[in-house]
């Protein structure tokens, strides 16, 4: 090839400058996205979670409650980043198998790739794009009559919270979406445009115990909000006499209530709890990690009723919480509550 026909040289493009020790914008935190060990260690030491990752909560307490053994069949109903699954896999080998469920089509392939890279092949780990309410169907498709261990962590993963494109948090501005599976259902913005004030007030009260539910229902229902910060500003404007710090609590409660509604979380949880005993082997153990009172009330009620009827032979006497040390090192563990149950007959 002559010099005249050579392709033009590709100009060198410098990587964007890292914006100081603590860049604020999600897109600027590329050292965390890229898995830079030194940067990630500093972020974790500061009690934060590196973007694009998730720190599993109450791992020791969950392992104690589930007591995984080699050869067990385990299910992680909310695979997320795979932190809990990785710990359980280490305990159930050799001979065990783990089924990982997650409804998020964006995060599930990433997590499967991470776990495969750690050496967990298809013979010990299968992943399934499903909400935890679909557990009976997943087990049936795998020809598994019952599991030895079932875990459900009902918290939203840090990868979802921190990504502005998902619209779960007001921390960074993004589209007002909040769907765990962006390919299904209506966004939070669409819900607000269609809902009536009384219905929104009821939703805020039921899903988040919001004390200003009536006022906020009237202010927000039927309105159009394209972004998370537009909605946050409207909530603040509806509460002009509320201090800014208290206003942030109202904003978080509204976001929580909308997220639960958009993803039909309570209905899915009730279906899961109803099906849970039938998905366990006799003597099988289940653990559920919740993050707000509406979830915990439903889990407690189901476990108590099944214990009284003899379906469960044992349940946690008291709710378990993250240790003070874990709450200091990972503030997102603060609201977590863990309950466990053992199916009778084993």
C-alpha atoms as a PDB file:
ATOM      1  CA  UNK A   1       0.000   0.000   0.000  1.00  0.00           C
ATOM      2  CA  UNK A   2       1.403   3.396  -0.967  1.00  0.00           C
ATOM      3  CA  UNK A   3       1.755   6.176   1.576  1.00  0.00           C
ATOM      4  CA  UNK A   4      -0.985   8.090  -0.260  1.00  0.00           C
ATOM      5  CA  UNK A   5      -3.484   5.318   0.503  1.00  0.00           C
ATOM      6  CA  UNK A   6      -2.660   4.907   4.178  1.00  0.00           C
ATOM      7  CA  UNK A   7      -5.573   5.639   6.549  1.00  0.00           C
ATOM      8  CA  UNK A   8      -5.232   8.882   8.475  1.00  0.00           C
ATOM      9  CA  UNK A   9      -3.645   8.471  11.911  1.00  0.00           C
ATOM     10  CA  UNK A  10      -6.059   8.198  14.832  1.00  0.00           C
ATOM     11  CA  UNK A  11      -5.583  11.248  17.028  1.00  0.00           C
ATOM     12  CA  UNK A  12      -4.575  10.515  20.622  1.00  0.00           C
ATOM     13  CA  UNK A  13      -7.403  11.311  23.033  1.00  0.00           C
ATOM     14  CA  UNK A  14      -6.509  11.930  26.634  1.00  0.00           C
ATOM     15  CA  UNK A  15      -8.629  10.442  29.340  1.00  0.00           C
ATOM     16  CA  UNK A  16     -10.693  13.141  31.076  1.00  0.00           C
ATOM     17  CA  UNK A  17      -9.064  14.559  34.148  1.00  0.00           C
ATOM     18  CA  UNK A  18     -10.244  12.980  37.391  1.00  0.00           C
ATOM     19  CA  UNK A  19     -12.079  15.685  39.282  1.00  0.00           C
ATOM     20  CA  UNK A  20     -10.193  15.802  42.568  1.00  0.00           C
ATOM     21  CA  UNK A  21     -10.412  13.245  45.384  1.00  0.00           C
ATOM     22  CA  UNK A  22     -14.195  13.081  45.418  1.00  0.00           C
ATOM     23  CA  UNK A  23     -15.766  13.898  42.045  1.00  0.00           C
ATOM     24  CA  UNK A  24     -19.461  14.561  42.436  1.00  0.00           C
ATOM     25  CA  UNK A  25     -20.916  13.525  39.096  1.00  0.00           C
ATOM     26  CA  UNK A  26     -21.619   9.829  38.531  1.00  0.00           C
ATOM     27  CA  UNK A  27     -20.037   9.882  35.068  1.00  0.00           C
ATOM     28  CA  UNK A  28     -16.794  11.411  36.424  1.00  0.00           C
ATOM     29  CA  UNK A  29     -16.160   8.568  38.853  1.00  0.00           C
ATOM     30  CA  UNK A  30     -14.516   6.444  36.172  1.00  0.00           C
ATOM     31  CA  UNK A  31     -11.795   5.210  38.550  1.00  0.00           C
ATOM     32  CA  UNK A  32     -14.528   3.523  40.569  1.00  0.00           C
ATOM     33  CA  UNK A  33     -16.355   2.294  37.450  1.00  0.00           C
ATOM     34  CA  UNK A  34     -13.090   0.845  36.188  1.00  0.00           C
ATOM     35  CA  UNK A  35     -12.381  -0.978  39.410  1.00  0.00           C
ATOM     36  CA  UNK A  36      -9.239   0.961  40.376  1.00  0.00           C
ATOM     37  CA  UNK A  37      -8.295  -0.872  43.620  1.00  0.00           C
ATOM     38  CA  UNK A  38      -6.684   2.094  45.367  1.00  0.00           C
ATOM     39  CA  UNK A  39      -9.597   4.438  44.655  1.00  0.00           C
ATOM     40  CA  UNK A  40     -12.191   1.822  45.631  1.00  0.00           C
ATOM     41  CA  UNK A  41     -10.369   1.072  48.896  1.00  0.00           C
ATOM     42  CA  UNK A  42     -10.407   4.781  49.777  1.00  0.00           C
ATOM     43  CA  UNK A  43     -14.134   5.048  49.003  1.00  0.00           C
ATOM     44  CA  UNK A  44     -14.937   2.014  51.179  1.00  0.00           C
ATOM     45  CA  UNK A  45     -12.716   3.297  54.003  1.00  0.00           C
ATOM     46  CA  UNK A  46     -14.747   6.506  53.958  1.00  0.00           C
ATOM     47  CA  UNK A  47     -17.925   4.499  54.632  1.00  0.00           C
ATOM     48  CA  UNK A  48     -19.210   4.776  51.074  1.00  0.00           C
ATOM     49  CA  UNK A  49     -19.949   2.320  48.276  1.00  0.00           C
ATOM     50  CA  UNK A  50     -17.982   2.660  45.015  1.00  0.00           C
ATOM     51  CA  UNK A  51     -20.308   3.396  42.099  1.00  0.00           C
ATOM     52  CA  UNK A  52     -21.323   0.422  40.015  1.00  0.00           C
ATOM     53  CA  UNK A  53     -20.843  -1.922  42.973  1.00  0.00           C
ATOM     54  CA  UNK A  54     -22.818  -3.105  45.983  1.00  0.00           C
ATOM     55  CA  UNK A  55     -21.647  -4.137  49.449  1.00  0.00           C
ATOM     56  CA  UNK A  56     -23.643  -7.103  50.776  1.00  0.00           C
ATOM     57  CA  UNK A  57     -25.317  -6.433  54.102  1.00  0.00           C
ATOM     58  CA  UNK A  58     -25.346  -8.627  57.230  1.00  0.00           C
ATOM     59  CA  UNK A  59     -23.405 -11.432  55.530  1.00  0.00           C
ATOM     60  CA  UNK A  60     -22.334 -13.131  58.783  1.00  0.00           C
ATOM     61  CA  UNK A  61     -25.855 -13.014  60.223  1.00  0.00           C
ATOM     62  CA  UNK A  62     -27.373 -14.421  57.026  1.00  0.00           C
ATOM     63  CA  UNK A  63     -24.853 -17.265  56.866  1.00  0.00           C
ATOM     64  CA  UNK A  64     -25.554 -18.105  60.509  1.00  0.00           C
ATOM     65  CA  UNK A  65     -29.316 -18.123  59.915  1.00  0.00           C
ATOM     66  CA  UNK A  66     -29.145 -20.229  56.732  1.00  0.00           C
ATOM     67  CA  UNK A  67     -26.263 -22.506  57.847  1.00  0.00           C
ATOM     68  CA  UNK A  68     -25.266 -23.536  54.290  1.00  0.00           C
ATOM     69  CA  UNK A  69     -23.598 -26.934  53.936  1.00  0.00           C
ATOM     70  CA  UNK A  70     -21.803 -28.719  51.069  1.00  0.00           C
ATOM     71  CA  UNK A  71     -24.349 -30.225  48.690  1.00  0.00           C
ATOM     72  CA  UNK A  72     -27.160 -27.800  49.534  1.00  0.00           C
ATOM     73  CA  UNK A  73     -29.450 -26.319  46.902  1.00  0.00           C
ATOM     74  CA  UNK A  74     -29.587 -22.584  47.529  1.00  0.00           C
ATOM     75  CA  UNK A  75     -31.584 -19.750  45.998  1.00  0.00           C
ATOM     76  CA  UNK A  76     -30.659 -16.086  46.037  1.00  0.00           C
ATOM     77  CA  UNK A  77     -33.965 -14.505  45.033  1.00  0.00           C
ATOM     78  CA  UNK A  78     -32.433 -11.048  44.595  1.00  0.00           C
ATOM     79  CA  UNK A  79     -29.002 -11.690  43.083  1.00  0.00           C
ATOM     80  CA  UNK A  80     -28.032  -8.028  42.703  1.00  0.00           C
ATOM     81  CA  UNK A  81     -24.251  -7.617  42.637  1.00  0.00           C
ATOM     82  CA  UNK A  82     -23.784 -11.222  43.772  1.00  0.00           C
ATOM     83  CA  UNK A  83     -22.137 -10.573  47.138  1.00  0.00           C
ATOM     84  CA  UNK A  84     -24.413 -12.833  49.172  1.00  0.00           C
ATOM     85  CA  UNK A  85     -24.436 -15.473  46.421  1.00  0.00           C
ATOM     86  CA  UNK A  86     -20.633 -15.574  46.333  1.00  0.00           C
ATOM     87  CA  UNK A  87     -20.505 -16.259  50.077  1.00  0.00           C
ATOM     88  CA  UNK A  88     -23.180 -18.973  49.896  1.00  0.00           C
ATOM     89  CA  UNK A  89     -21.524 -20.663  46.907  1.00  0.00           C
ATOM     90  CA  UNK A  90     -18.308 -21.000  48.871  1.00  0.00           C
ATOM     91  CA  UNK A  91     -20.214 -22.824  51.626  1.00  0.00           C
ATOM     92  CA  UNK A  92     -22.333 -25.215  49.510  1.00  0.00           C
ATOM     93  CA  UNK A  93     -19.442 -26.589  47.440  1.00  0.00           C
ATOM     94  CA  UNK A  94     -18.639 -29.282  46.650  1.00  0.00           C
ATOM     95  CA  UNK A  95     -21.881 -30.746  45.364  1.00  0.00           C
ATOM     96  CA  UNK A  96     -24.147 -27.761  45.885  1.00  0.00           C
ATOM     97  CA  UNK A  97     -25.977 -25.548  43.427  1.00  0.00           C
ATOM     98  CA  UNK A  98     -27.234 -21.964  43.584  1.00  0.00           C
ATOM     99  CA  UNK A  99     -30.040 -20.398  41.566  1.00  0.00           C
ATOM    100  CA  UNK A 100     -29.772 -16.629  41.240  1.00  0.00           C
ATOM    101  CA  UNK A 101     -32.912 -14.624  40.417  1.00  0.00           C
ATOM    102  CA  UNK A 102     -33.049 -10.962  39.443  1.00  0.00           C
ATOM    103  CA  UNK A 103     -35.589  -8.916  37.509  1.00  0.00           C
ATOM    104  CA  UNK A 104     -33.051  -6.322  36.351  1.00  0.00           C
ATOM    105  CA  UNK A 105     -32.009  -7.067  32.749  1.00  0.00           C
ATOM    106  CA  UNK A 106     -29.187  -4.529  32.945  1.00  0.00           C
ATOM    107  CA  UNK A 107     -27.395  -5.818  36.046  1.00  0.00           C
ATOM    108  CA  UNK A 108     -28.029  -9.578  35.824  1.00  0.00           C
ATOM    109  CA  UNK A 109     -25.593 -10.256  32.913  1.00  0.00           C
ATOM    110  CA  UNK A 110     -22.864  -8.236  34.651  1.00  0.00           C
ATOM    111  CA  UNK A 111     -23.258 -10.184  37.870  1.00  0.00           C
ATOM    112  CA  UNK A 112     -23.297 -13.530  36.091  1.00  0.00           C
ATOM    113  CA  UNK A 113     -20.050 -12.585  34.317  1.00  0.00           C
ATOM    114  CA  UNK A 114     -18.427 -11.599  37.638  1.00  0.00           C
ATOM    115  CA  UNK A 115     -19.394 -14.891  39.295  1.00  0.00           C
ATOM    116  CA  UNK A 116     -18.313 -16.932  36.273  1.00  0.00           C
ATOM    117  CA  UNK A 117     -14.919 -15.178  36.399  1.00  0.00           C
ATOM    118  CA  UNK A 118     -14.580 -16.375  40.004  1.00  0.00           C
ATOM    119  CA  UNK A 119     -14.880 -19.957  38.783  1.00  0.00           C
ATOM    120  CA  UNK A 120     -18.567 -20.703  39.366  1.00  0.00           C
ATOM    121  CA  UNK A 121     -19.648 -22.580  36.235  1.00  0.00           C
ATOM    122  CA  UNK A 122     -23.114 -23.499  35.002  1.00  0.00           C
ATOM    123  CA  UNK A 123     -23.038 -26.755  36.954  1.00  0.00           C
ATOM    124  CA  UNK A 124     -23.053 -24.856  40.270  1.00  0.00           C
ATOM    125  CA  UNK A 125     -24.665 -21.515  39.342  1.00  0.00           C
ATOM    126  CA  UNK A 126     -27.628 -20.717  37.126  1.00  0.00           C
ATOM    127  CA  UNK A 127     -29.107 -17.249  36.717  1.00  0.00           C
ATOM    128  CA  UNK A 128     -32.737 -16.466  35.958  1.00  0.00           C
ATOM    129  CA  UNK A 129     -34.319 -13.166  34.963  1.00  0.00           C
ATOM    130  CA  UNK A 130     -37.295 -13.256  37.276  1.00  0.00           C
ATOM    131  CA  UNK A 131     -38.855 -11.388  40.139  1.00  0.00           C
ATOM    132  CA  UNK A 132     -38.739 -13.362  43.395  1.00  0.00           C
ATOM    133  CA  UNK A 133     -42.505 -13.857  43.111  1.00  0.00           C
ATOM    134  CA  UNK A 134     -41.715 -16.187  40.213  1.00  0.00           C
ATOM    135  CA  UNK A 135     -39.636 -18.562  42.363  1.00  0.00           C
ATOM    136  CA  UNK A 136     -42.025 -21.574  42.052  1.00  0.00           C
ATOM    137  CA  UNK A 137     -41.864 -21.371  38.251  1.00  0.00           C
ATOM    138  CA  UNK A 138     -38.057 -21.141  38.270  1.00  0.00           C
ATOM    139  CA  UNK A 139     -37.748 -24.183  40.539  1.00  0.00           C
ATOM    140  CA  UNK A 140     -40.205 -26.153  38.421  1.00  0.00           C
ATOM    141  CA  UNK A 141     -38.309 -25.331  35.229  1.00  0.00           C
ATOM    142  CA  UNK A 142     -35.114 -26.625  36.877  1.00  0.00           C
ATOM    143  CA  UNK A 143     -36.981 -29.742  38.105  1.00  0.00           C
ATOM    144  CA  UNK A 144     -36.158 -28.880  41.722  1.00  0.00           C
ATOM    145  CA  UNK A 145     -38.834 -29.890  44.236  1.00  0.00           C
ATOM    146  CA  UNK A 146     -37.502 -27.683  47.013  1.00  0.00           C
ATOM    147  CA  UNK A 147     -34.460 -25.736  48.142  1.00  0.00           C
ATOM    148  CA  UNK A 148     -32.382 -26.119  51.290  1.00  0.00           C
ATOM    149  CA  UNK A 149     -31.750 -22.367  51.547  1.00  0.00           C
ATOM    150  CA  UNK A 150     -33.640 -19.345  50.243  1.00  0.00           C
ATOM    151  CA  UNK A 151     -32.471 -15.756  50.652  1.00  0.00           C
ATOM    152  CA  UNK A 152     -34.315 -12.592  49.649  1.00  0.00           C
ATOM    153  CA  UNK A 153     -32.644  -9.200  50.121  1.00  0.00           C
ATOM    154  CA  UNK A 154     -35.413  -6.683  49.433  1.00  0.00           C
ATOM    155  CA  UNK A 155     -33.183  -3.611  49.294  1.00  0.00           C
ATOM    156  CA  UNK A 156     -32.485  -1.710  46.099  1.00  0.00           C
ATOM    157  CA  UNK A 157     -28.905  -2.389  44.980  1.00  0.00           C
ATOM    158  CA  UNK A 158     -26.388   0.415  45.169  1.00  0.00           C
ATOM    159  CA  UNK A 159     -25.755   0.038  41.416  1.00  0.00           C
ATOM    160  CA  UNK A 160     -29.379   1.024  40.817  1.00  0.00           C
ATOM    161  CA  UNK A 161     -29.526   3.798  43.415  1.00  0.00           C
ATOM    162  CA  UNK A 162     -26.318   5.457  42.251  1.00  0.00           C
ATOM    163  CA  UNK A 163     -26.974   5.377  38.503  1.00  0.00           C
ATOM    164  CA  UNK A 164     -28.804   8.597  37.536  1.00  0.00           C
ATOM    165  CA  UNK A 165     -30.234   6.924  34.437  1.00  0.00           C
ATOM    166  CA  UNK A 166     -32.354   4.647  36.625  1.00  0.00           C
ATOM    167  CA  UNK A 167     -34.112   7.507  38.442  1.00  0.00           C
ATOM    168  CA  UNK A 168     -34.170   5.902  41.902  1.00  0.00           C
ATOM    169  CA  UNK A 169     -32.498   8.738  43.792  1.00  0.00           C
ATOM    170  CA  UNK A 170     -32.426  12.507  43.869  1.00  0.00           C
ATOM    171  CA  UNK A 171     -28.683  12.409  44.609  1.00  0.00           C
ATOM    172  CA  UNK A 172     -28.003  12.898  40.877  1.00  0.00           C
ATOM    173  CA  UNK A 173     -30.464  14.312  38.380  1.00  0.00           C
ATOM    174  CA  UNK A 174     -31.925  11.749  36.007  1.00  0.00           C
ATOM    175  CA  UNK A 175     -35.150  10.625  34.324  1.00  0.00           C
ATOM    176  CA  UNK A 176     -37.967   9.914  36.770  1.00  0.00           C
ATOM    177  CA  UNK A 177     -38.163   6.185  36.049  1.00  0.00           C
ATOM    178  CA  UNK A 178     -37.550   3.868  39.075  1.00  0.00           C
ATOM    179  CA  UNK A 179     -38.383   0.605  37.284  1.00  0.00           C
ATOM    180  CA  UNK A 180     -36.299  -2.419  38.305  1.00  0.00           C
ATOM    181  CA  UNK A 181     -36.940  -3.726  34.797  1.00  0.00           C
ATOM    182  CA  UNK A 182     -36.979  -0.698  32.476  1.00  0.00           C
ATOM    183  CA  UNK A 183     -38.498  -2.862  29.745  1.00  0.00           C
ATOM    184  CA  UNK A 184     -41.771  -3.412  31.610  1.00  0.00           C
ATOM    185  CA  UNK A 185     -44.506  -1.368  33.255  1.00  0.00           C
ATOM    186  CA  UNK A 186     -44.874   2.370  33.659  1.00  0.00           C
ATOM    187  CA  UNK A 187     -42.302   4.802  35.021  1.00  0.00           C
ATOM    188  CA  UNK A 188     -42.786   6.911  38.130  1.00  0.00           C
ATOM    189  CA  UNK A 189     -43.327   9.951  35.871  1.00  0.00           C
ATOM    190  CA  UNK A 190     -46.158   8.166  34.037  1.00  0.00           C
ATOM    191  CA  UNK A 191     -47.735   7.054  37.302  1.00  0.00           C
ATOM    192  CA  UNK A 192     -47.788  10.615  38.679  1.00  0.00           C
ATOM    193  CA  UNK A 193     -49.342  12.006  35.503  1.00  0.00           C
ATOM    194  CA  UNK A 194     -52.267   9.555  35.687  1.00  0.00           C
ATOM    195  CA  UNK A 195     -52.968   9.178  39.411  1.00  0.00           C
ATOM    196  CA  UNK A 196     -55.692  11.020  41.357  1.00  0.00           C
ATOM    197  CA  UNK A 197     -54.786  13.038  44.488  1.00  0.00           C
ATOM    198  CA  UNK A 198     -56.611  10.726  46.931  1.00  0.00           C
ATOM    199  CA  UNK A 199     -55.026   7.641  45.390  1.00  0.00           C
ATOM    200  CA  UNK A 200     -51.562   9.195  45.590  1.00  0.00           C
ATOM    201  CA  UNK A 201     -52.135  10.192  49.217  1.00  0.00           C
ATOM    202  CA  UNK A 202     -53.116   6.613  50.038  1.00  0.00           C
ATOM    203  CA  UNK A 203     -50.052   5.299  48.243  1.00  0.00           C
ATOM    204  CA  UNK A 204     -47.750   7.665  50.175  1.00  0.00           C
ATOM    205  CA  UNK A 205     -49.300   6.623  53.471  1.00  0.00           C
ATOM    206  CA  UNK A 206     -49.284   2.875  52.781  1.00  0.00           C
ATOM    207  CA  UNK A 207     -45.846   2.638  51.158  1.00  0.00           C
ATOM    208  CA  UNK A 208     -43.883   5.151  53.217  1.00  0.00           C
ATOM    209  CA  UNK A 209     -45.880   6.248  56.299  1.00  0.00           C
ATOM    210  CA  UNK A 210     -45.699   9.794  54.897  1.00  0.00           C
ATOM    211  CA  UNK A 211     -47.278  12.224  57.442  1.00  0.00           C
ATOM    212  CA  UNK A 212     -47.946  14.906  54.778  1.00  0.00           C
ATOM    213  CA  UNK A 213     -49.616  12.409  52.443  1.00  0.00           C
ATOM    214  CA  UNK A 214     -52.799  14.417  51.826  1.00  0.00           C
ATOM    215  CA  UNK A 215     -50.967  17.673  51.146  1.00  0.00           C
ATOM    216  CA  UNK A 216     -48.387  16.035  48.855  1.00  0.00           C
ATOM    217  CA  UNK A 217     -51.018  13.970  47.087  1.00  0.00           C
ATOM    218  CA  UNK A 218     -52.863  17.131  46.129  1.00  0.00           C
ATOM    219  CA  UNK A 219     -49.644  18.922  45.085  1.00  0.00           C
ATOM    220  CA  UNK A 220     -48.124  16.159  42.939  1.00  0.00           C
ATOM    221  CA  UNK A 221     -50.929  14.078  41.437  1.00  0.00           C
ATOM    222  CA  UNK A 222     -51.660  14.692  37.771  1.00  0.00           C
ATOM    223  CA  UNK A 223     -48.491  16.730  37.300  1.00  0.00           C
ATOM    224  CA  UNK A 224     -45.706  16.131  34.786  1.00  0.00           C
ATOM    225  CA  UNK A 225     -42.182  15.669  36.122  1.00  0.00           C
ATOM    226  CA  UNK A 226     -39.449  14.643  33.686  1.00  0.00           C
ATOM    227  CA  UNK A 227     -36.569  14.315  36.152  1.00  0.00           C
ATOM    228  CA  UNK A 228     -35.859  13.318  39.736  1.00  0.00           C
ATOM    229  CA  UNK A 229     -34.794  16.824  40.730  1.00  0.00           C
ATOM    230  CA  UNK A 230     -37.957  18.360  39.236  1.00  0.00           C
ATOM    231  CA  UNK A 231     -39.998  16.117  41.521  1.00  0.00           C
ATOM    232  CA  UNK A 232     -37.764  16.882  44.525  1.00  0.00           C
ATOM    233  CA  UNK A 233     -38.170  20.626  43.929  1.00  0.00           C
ATOM    234  CA  UNK A 234     -41.957  20.251  43.726  1.00  0.00           C
ATOM    235  CA  UNK A 235     -42.011  18.369  47.047  1.00  0.00           C
ATOM    236  CA  UNK A 236     -39.965  21.135  48.710  1.00  0.00           C
ATOM    237  CA  UNK A 237     -42.209  23.803  47.189  1.00  0.00           C
ATOM    238  CA  UNK A 238     -45.299  22.045  48.545  1.00  0.00           C
ATOM    239  CA  UNK A 239     -43.813  22.228  52.058  1.00  0.00           C
ATOM    240  CA  UNK A 240     -42.612  25.850  52.307  1.00  0.00           C
ATOM    241  CA  UNK A 241     -42.584  25.926  56.108  1.00  0.00           C
ATOM    242  CA  UNK A 242     -40.658  22.654  56.532  1.00  0.00           C
ATOM    243  CA  UNK A 243     -36.938  22.880  57.338  1.00  0.00           C
ATOM    244  CA  UNK A 244     -34.610  21.718  54.582  1.00  0.00           C
ATOM    245  CA  UNK A 245     -33.372  18.674  56.523  1.00  0.00           C
ATOM    246  CA  UNK A 246     -36.934  17.558  57.232  1.00  0.00           C
ATOM    247  CA  UNK A 247     -37.811  18.258  53.615  1.00  0.00           C
ATOM    248  CA  UNK A 248     -35.187  15.719  52.566  1.00  0.00           C
ATOM    249  CA  UNK A 249     -36.979  13.085  54.662  1.00  0.00           C
ATOM    250  CA  UNK A 250     -40.256  13.848  52.866  1.00  0.00           C
ATOM    251  CA  UNK A 251     -38.472  13.591  49.510  1.00  0.00           C
ATOM    252  CA  UNK A 252     -36.998  10.193  50.399  1.00  0.00           C
ATOM    253  CA  UNK A 253     -40.389   8.923  51.550  1.00  0.00           C
ATOM    254  CA  UNK A 254     -42.106  10.057  48.330  1.00  0.00           C
ATOM    255  CA  UNK A 255     -39.394   8.407  46.234  1.00  0.00           C
ATOM    256  CA  UNK A 256     -39.691   5.214  48.283  1.00  0.00           C
ATOM    257  CA  UNK A 257     -43.474   5.129  47.924  1.00  0.00           C
ATOM    258  CA  UNK A 258     -43.298   5.665  44.161  1.00  0.00           C
ATOM    259  CA  UNK A 259     -40.612   3.009  43.705  1.00  0.00           C
ATOM    260  CA  UNK A 260     -42.692   0.450  45.602  1.00  0.00           C
ATOM    261  CA  UNK A 261     -45.760   1.292  43.527  1.00  0.00           C
ATOM    262  CA  UNK A 262     -43.973   1.319  40.160  1.00  0.00           C
ATOM    263  CA  UNK A 263     -42.479  -2.130  40.816  1.00  0.00           C
ATOM    264  CA  UNK A 264     -45.558  -3.529  42.604  1.00  0.00           C
ATOM    265  CA  UNK A 265     -43.194  -4.581  45.383  1.00  0.00           C
ATOM    266  CA  UNK A 266     -45.716  -5.330  48.125  1.00  0.00           C
ATOM    267  CA  UNK A 267     -47.824  -7.527  45.866  1.00  0.00           C
ATOM    268  CA  UNK A 268     -44.705  -9.413  44.747  1.00  0.00           C
ATOM    269  CA  UNK A 269     -43.583  -9.818  48.363  1.00  0.00           C
ATOM    270  CA  UNK A 270     -46.972 -11.164  49.467  1.00  0.00           C
ATOM    271  CA  UNK A 271     -46.932 -13.677  46.590  1.00  0.00           C
ATOM    272  CA  UNK A 272     -43.394 -14.717  47.527  1.00  0.00           C
ATOM    273  CA  UNK A 273     -44.288 -15.175  51.220  1.00  0.00           C
ATOM    274  CA  UNK A 274     -47.368 -17.211  50.300  1.00  0.00           C
ATOM    275  CA  UNK A 275     -45.309 -19.525  48.075  1.00  0.00           C
ATOM    276  CA  UNK A 276     -42.196 -19.679  50.246  1.00  0.00           C
ATOM    277  CA  UNK A 277     -43.019 -22.763  52.386  1.00  0.00           C
ATOM    278  CA  UNK A 278     -43.758 -24.828  49.286  1.00  0.00           C
ATOM    279  CA  UNK A 279     -40.394 -23.852  47.789  1.00  0.00           C
ATOM    280  CA  UNK A 280     -38.441 -25.186  50.788  1.00  0.00           C
ATOM    281  CA  UNK A 281     -37.506 -28.772  51.496  1.00  0.00           C
ATOM    282  CA  UNK A 282     -38.618 -30.104  54.890  1.00  0.00           C
ATOM    283  CA  UNK A 283     -36.139 -28.539  57.293  1.00  0.00           C
ATOM    284  CA  UNK A 284     -35.174 -25.931  54.693  1.00  0.00           C
ATOM    285  CA  UNK A 285     -34.291 -22.431  55.863  1.00  0.00           C
ATOM    286  CA  UNK A 286     -35.291 -19.002  54.573  1.00  0.00           C
ATOM    287  CA  UNK A 287     -33.917 -15.548  55.413  1.00  0.00           C
ATOM    288  CA  UNK A 288     -35.401 -12.226  54.338  1.00  0.00           C
ATOM    289  CA  UNK A 289     -33.685  -8.854  54.613  1.00  0.00           C
ATOM    290  CA  UNK A 290     -36.067  -5.871  54.651  1.00  0.00           C
ATOM    291  CA  UNK A 291     -35.451  -2.137  54.646  1.00  0.00           C
ATOM    292  CA  UNK A 292     -38.657  -0.449  55.756  1.00  0.00           C
ATOM    293  CA  UNK A 293     -41.623  -1.082  57.987  1.00  0.00           C
ATOM    294  CA  UNK A 294     -44.084  -2.098  55.255  1.00  0.00           C
ATOM    295  CA  UNK A 295     -41.861  -4.964  54.166  1.00  0.00           C
ATOM    296  CA  UNK A 296     -40.980  -6.056  57.686  1.00  0.00           C
ATOM    297  CA  UNK A 297     -44.623  -6.073  58.810  1.00  0.00           C
ATOM    298  CA  UNK A 298     -45.543  -8.437  55.984  1.00  0.00           C
ATOM    299  CA  UNK A 299     -42.626 -10.781  56.649  1.00  0.00           C
ATOM    300  CA  UNK A 300     -43.292 -10.869  60.398  1.00  0.00           C
ATOM    301  CA  UNK A 301     -47.018 -11.522  59.902  1.00  0.00           C
ATOM    302  CA  UNK A 302     -46.369 -14.366  57.431  1.00  0.00           C
ATOM    303  CA  UNK A 303     -43.683 -16.019  59.561  1.00  0.00           C
ATOM    304  CA  UNK A 304     -45.809 -15.772  62.727  1.00  0.00           C
ATOM    305  CA  UNK A 305     -48.895 -17.244  61.021  1.00  0.00           C
ATOM    306  CA  UNK A 306     -46.962 -20.138  59.506  1.00  0.00           C
ATOM    307  CA  UNK A 307     -45.239 -20.842  62.810  1.00  0.00           C
ATOM    308  CA  UNK A 308     -48.545 -20.968  64.677  1.00  0.00           C
ATOM    309  CA  UNK A 309     -50.000 -23.331  62.054  1.00  0.00           C
ATOM    310  CA  UNK A 310     -46.972 -25.634  62.187  1.00  0.00           C
ATOM    311  CA  UNK A 311     -45.713 -24.925  58.663  1.00  0.00           C
ATOM    312  CA  UNK A 312     -42.528 -23.467  60.145  1.00  0.00           C
ATOM    313  CA  UNK A 313     -40.913 -25.299  63.057  1.00  0.00           C
ATOM    314  CA  UNK A 314     -38.812 -22.304  64.086  1.00  0.00           C
ATOM    315  CA  UNK A 315     -38.628 -18.576  63.363  1.00  0.00           C
ATOM    316  CA  UNK A 316     -36.390 -15.758  64.549  1.00  0.00           C
ATOM    317  CA  UNK A 317     -37.594 -14.571  67.935  1.00  0.00           C
ATOM    318  CA  UNK A 318     -36.538 -10.989  67.352  1.00  0.00           C
ATOM    319  CA  UNK A 319     -35.586  -8.996  64.311  1.00  0.00           C
ATOM    320  CA  UNK A 320     -31.823  -8.967  63.704  1.00  0.00           C
ATOM    321  CA  UNK A 321     -29.983  -5.739  62.867  1.00  0.00           C
ATOM    322  CA  UNK A 322     -26.603  -4.896  61.401  1.00  0.00           C
ATOM    323  CA  UNK A 323     -23.894  -4.435  64.007  1.00  0.00           C
ATOM    324  CA  UNK A 324     -22.864  -0.937  65.032  1.00  0.00           C
ATOM    325  CA  UNK A 325     -19.527  -1.524  63.313  1.00  0.00           C
ATOM    326  CA  UNK A 326     -21.198  -2.459  60.025  1.00  0.00           C
ATOM    327  CA  UNK A 327     -23.528   0.515  60.217  1.00  0.00           C
ATOM    328  CA  UNK A 328     -20.521   2.805  60.687  1.00  0.00           C
ATOM    329  CA  UNK A 329     -18.586   1.291  57.793  1.00  0.00           C
ATOM    330  CA  UNK A 330     -21.627   0.949  55.497  1.00  0.00           C
ATOM    331  CA  UNK A 331     -24.413   3.426  56.376  1.00  0.00           C
ATOM    332  CA  UNK A 332     -26.764   1.764  53.866  1.00  0.00           C
ATOM    333  CA  UNK A 333     -27.016  -1.172  56.293  1.00  0.00           C
ATOM    334  CA  UNK A 334     -28.668   1.039  58.932  1.00  0.00           C
ATOM    335  CA  UNK A 335     -32.350   0.342  58.078  1.00  0.00           C
ATOM    336  CA  UNK A 336     -31.812  -3.391  57.429  1.00  0.00           C
ATOM    337  CA  UNK A 337     -33.872  -5.949  59.371  1.00  0.00           C
ATOM    338  CA  UNK A 338     -33.312  -9.692  59.073  1.00  0.00           C
ATOM    339  CA  UNK A 339     -35.855 -12.422  59.869  1.00  0.00           C
ATOM    340  CA  UNK A 340     -35.506 -16.167  59.253  1.00  0.00           C
ATOM    341  CA  UNK A 341     -37.674 -19.274  59.330  1.00  0.00           C
ATOM    342  CA  UNK A 342     -37.221 -23.045  59.143  1.00  0.00           C
ATOM    343  CA  UNK A 343     -39.769 -25.273  57.454  1.00  0.00           C
ATOM    344  CA  UNK A 344     -41.134 -28.110  59.602  1.00  0.00           C
ATOM    345  CA  UNK A 345     -40.411 -31.752  58.856  1.00  0.00           C
ATOM    346  CA  UNK A 346     -36.653 -31.845  58.594  1.00  0.00           C
END
